[in-house]
Amino acid sequence: MRAIPMVPSSNSNNSPAIHCSKP
């Protein structure tokens, strides 16, 4: 797993907040 700033397809399942929480 990696920190993707614009890929909610895989992040939405784990951390939807990280989807666009990166500066």
N, C-alpha and C. Protein backbone atom coordinates (compact mmCIF):
# COMPACT_ATOMS: atom_id res chain seq x y z
N MET A 1 0.83 -1.21 0.00
CA MET A 1 0.00 0.00 0.00
C MET A 1 0.87 1.26 0.00
N ARG A 2 0.49 2.24 -0.81
CA ARG A 2 1.24 3.49 -0.88
C ARG A 2 0.30 4.69 -0.74
N ALA A 3 0.87 5.82 -0.48
CA ALA A 3 0.05 7.03 -0.29
C ALA A 3 -0.24 7.70 -1.63
N ILE A 4 -1.44 7.49 -2.13
CA ILE A 4 -1.83 8.10 -3.41
C ILE A 4 -2.75 9.30 -3.15
N PRO A 5 -2.35 10.48 -3.62
CA PRO A 5 -3.08 11.72 -3.37
C PRO A 5 -4.30 11.87 -4.28
N MET A 6 -4.36 11.10 -5.37
CA MET A 6 -5.48 11.27 -6.29
C MET A 6 -5.96 9.92 -6.84
N VAL A 7 -6.08 8.93 -5.95
CA VAL A 7 -6.56 7.62 -6.39
C VAL A 7 -7.46 7.01 -5.33
N PRO A 8 -8.70 7.50 -5.26
CA PRO A 8 -9.66 7.04 -4.26
C PRO A 8 -10.17 5.63 -4.57
N SER A 9 -9.82 5.11 -5.73
CA SER A 9 -10.28 3.78 -6.14
C SER A 9 -9.76 2.71 -5.18
N SER A 10 -8.58 2.95 -4.61
CA SER A 10 -8.00 1.97 -3.69
C SER A 10 -7.86 2.57 -2.29
N ASN A 11 -7.85 3.88 -2.23
CA ASN A 11 -7.68 4.55 -0.93
C ASN A 11 -9.03 4.70 -0.23
N SER A 12 -10.07 4.84 -1.02
CA SER A 12 -11.42 5.03 -0.48
C SER A 12 -11.80 3.85 0.42
N ASN A 13 -11.19 2.72 0.14
CA ASN A 13 -11.52 1.52 0.91
C ASN A 13 -10.81 1.51 2.25
N ASN A 14 -9.69 2.19 2.31
CA ASN A 14 -8.88 2.19 3.53
C ASN A 14 -8.89 3.56 4.20
N SER A 15 -8.50 4.57 3.44
CA SER A 15 -8.42 5.93 4.02
C SER A 15 -8.88 6.97 3.01
N PRO A 16 -10.15 7.28 3.02
CA PRO A 16 -10.72 8.27 2.09
C PRO A 16 -10.23 9.67 2.42
N ALA A 17 -9.72 9.86 3.63
CA ALA A 17 -9.24 11.18 4.05
C ALA A 17 -7.92 11.49 3.37
N ILE A 18 -7.13 10.46 3.09
CA ILE A 18 -5.81 10.64 2.47
C ILE A 18 -5.97 10.89 0.97
N HIS A 19 -7.19 10.68 0.50
CA HIS A 19 -7.48 10.84 -0.93
C HIS A 19 -7.10 12.23 -1.41
N CYS A 20 -7.32 13.23 -0.57
CA CYS A 20 -6.97 14.60 -0.95
C CYS A 20 -6.52 15.39 0.28
N SER A 21 -5.81 14.72 1.16
CA SER A 21 -5.38 15.37 2.40
C SER A 21 -3.89 15.67 2.35
N LYS A 22 -3.30 15.45 1.18
CA LYS A 22 -1.85 15.69 1.02
C LYS A 22 -1.61 17.09 0.49
N PRO A 23 -0.75 17.85 1.14
CA PRO A 23 -0.44 19.23 0.75
C PRO A 23 0.36 19.29 -0.55
